[in-house]
Amino acid sequence: MNVAELEQKLIAAARAHPPSERVPYAFEKRILARLAARSTSDGRELWARALWRAAAACAALMLVLGAWSFFALRDRTPVNDLSQDLEQTLLAAVDQDQAADSTW
């Protein structure tokens, strides 16, 4: 169907039916103003929407990986106690200084 012909038919149908008294005053102007205001979206709105979706996806990924690491490592016993190795490495210099002071 031709767009111009359809437009003419719609205008003719609108003219054939006068506006009803039930419609509030300037109702169509308020609707058109809202539509015009909504269609002009700025880049900040798009970025905010995308970042909220990304935050939700990251939170879901964090929960899945946290549960996986918790259940995967729950049954294992550590072969080397890393905390003890770290403490011995950091305090090795202090132990050597105390041993050197006691020989004097």
Protein backbone atom coordinates (compact mmCIF):
# COMPACT_ATOMS: atom_id res chain seq x y z
CA MET A 1 0.00 0.00 0.00
CA ASN A 2 1.20 3.48 -0.80
CA VAL A 3 2.21 5.52 2.25
CA ALA A 4 0.75 8.77 0.90
CA GLU A 5 -2.58 7.06 0.15
CA LEU A 6 -2.68 5.57 3.63
CA GLU A 7 -1.96 8.96 5.14
CA GLN A 8 -4.83 10.53 3.20
CA LYS A 9 -7.22 7.79 4.34
CA LEU A 10 -6.22 8.22 7.98
CA ILE A 11 -6.61 12.00 7.81
CA ALA A 12 -10.04 11.60 6.21
CA ALA A 13 -11.12 9.14 8.91
CA ALA A 14 -9.90 11.50 11.63
CA ARG A 15 -11.81 14.41 10.11
CA ALA A 16 -14.97 12.33 9.85
CA HIS A 17 -15.01 11.71 13.61
CA PRO A 18 -14.90 14.90 15.69
CA PRO A 19 -13.01 14.80 19.00
CA SER A 20 -14.95 13.48 21.94
CA GLU A 21 -15.76 15.51 24.99
CA ARG A 22 -14.27 12.77 27.17
CA VAL A 23 -10.72 13.63 26.10
CA PRO A 24 -9.03 16.12 28.47
CA TYR A 25 -7.95 19.49 27.18
CA ALA A 26 -4.55 19.42 25.35
CA PHE A 27 -4.19 15.71 25.94
CA GLU A 28 -2.56 15.09 22.56
CA LYS A 29 -0.03 17.88 23.17
CA ARG A 30 1.03 16.32 26.47
CA ILE A 31 1.42 12.90 24.85
CA LEU A 32 3.42 14.31 21.95
CA ALA A 33 5.63 16.28 24.35
CA ARG A 34 6.38 13.12 26.34
CA LEU A 35 7.18 11.18 23.19
CA ALA A 36 9.52 13.92 21.97
CA ALA A 37 11.30 14.09 25.33
CA ARG A 38 11.70 10.33 25.53
CA SER A 39 13.11 9.89 22.03
CA THR A 40 16.08 12.16 22.74
CA SER A 41 18.20 9.90 24.91
CA ASP A 42 21.71 10.92 25.69
CA GLY A 43 24.78 8.73 25.85
CA ARG A 44 24.84 8.71 29.64
CA GLU A 45 21.56 6.82 29.79
CA LEU A 46 22.84 4.16 27.42
CA TRP A 47 26.10 3.80 29.35
CA ALA A 48 24.29 3.59 32.68
CA ARG A 49 21.97 0.87 31.41
CA ALA A 50 24.88 -1.11 29.95
CA LEU A 51 26.97 -0.78 33.12
CA TRP A 52 24.11 -1.99 35.33
CA ARG A 53 23.70 -5.04 33.12
CA ALA A 54 27.45 -5.65 33.26
CA ALA A 55 27.43 -5.32 37.05
CA ALA A 56 24.72 -7.94 37.32
CA ALA A 57 26.66 -10.30 35.05
CA CYS A 58 29.87 -9.76 37.04
CA ALA A 59 28.08 -10.42 40.33
CA ALA A 60 26.63 -13.65 38.95
CA LEU A 61 30.06 -14.73 37.68
CA MET A 62 31.60 -13.90 41.07
CA LEU A 63 29.04 -16.06 42.88
CA VAL A 64 29.57 -19.00 40.52
CA LEU A 65 33.37 -18.85 40.76
CA GLY A 66 33.24 -18.38 44.53
CA ALA A 67 31.05 -21.44 44.97
CA TRP A 68 33.25 -23.42 42.61
CA SER A 69 36.44 -22.54 44.49
CA PHE A 70 34.79 -23.25 47.85
CA PHE A 71 33.52 -26.69 46.88
CA ALA A 72 36.62 -27.64 44.85
CA LEU A 73 39.05 -26.91 47.67
CA ARG A 74 36.93 -28.14 50.57
CA ASP A 75 37.96 -31.79 50.30
CA ARG A 76 41.67 -31.18 49.70
CA THR A 77 44.24 -30.95 52.43
CA PRO A 78 47.10 -28.58 51.62
CA VAL A 79 50.43 -30.28 51.03
CA ASN A 80 52.46 -27.26 52.10
CA ASP A 81 51.19 -24.74 54.58
CA LEU A 82 51.81 -21.50 52.72
CA SER A 83 51.27 -19.32 55.78
CA GLN A 84 54.02 -21.09 57.70
CA ASP A 85 56.40 -20.88 54.74
CA LEU A 86 55.73 -17.17 54.40
CA GLU A 87 56.25 -16.56 58.12
CA GLN A 88 59.52 -18.46 58.17
CA THR A 89 60.77 -16.58 55.13
CA LEU A 90 59.89 -13.17 56.54
CA LEU A 91 61.30 -13.89 59.99
CA ALA A 92 64.50 -15.55 58.74
CA ALA A 93 66.42 -12.26 58.90
CA VAL A 94 65.22 -11.60 62.47
CA ASP A 95 66.30 -15.08 63.55
CA GLN A 96 69.75 -14.57 62.03
CA ASP A 97 70.16 -11.19 63.80
CA GLN A 98 69.22 -12.74 67.16
CA ALA A 99 71.68 -15.60 66.63
CA ALA A 100 74.44 -13.13 65.75
CA ASP A 101 73.73 -11.00 68.84
CA SER A 102 73.88 -13.99 71.15
CA THR A 103 77.41 -14.91 69.96
CA TRP A 104 78.87 -11.56 70.92
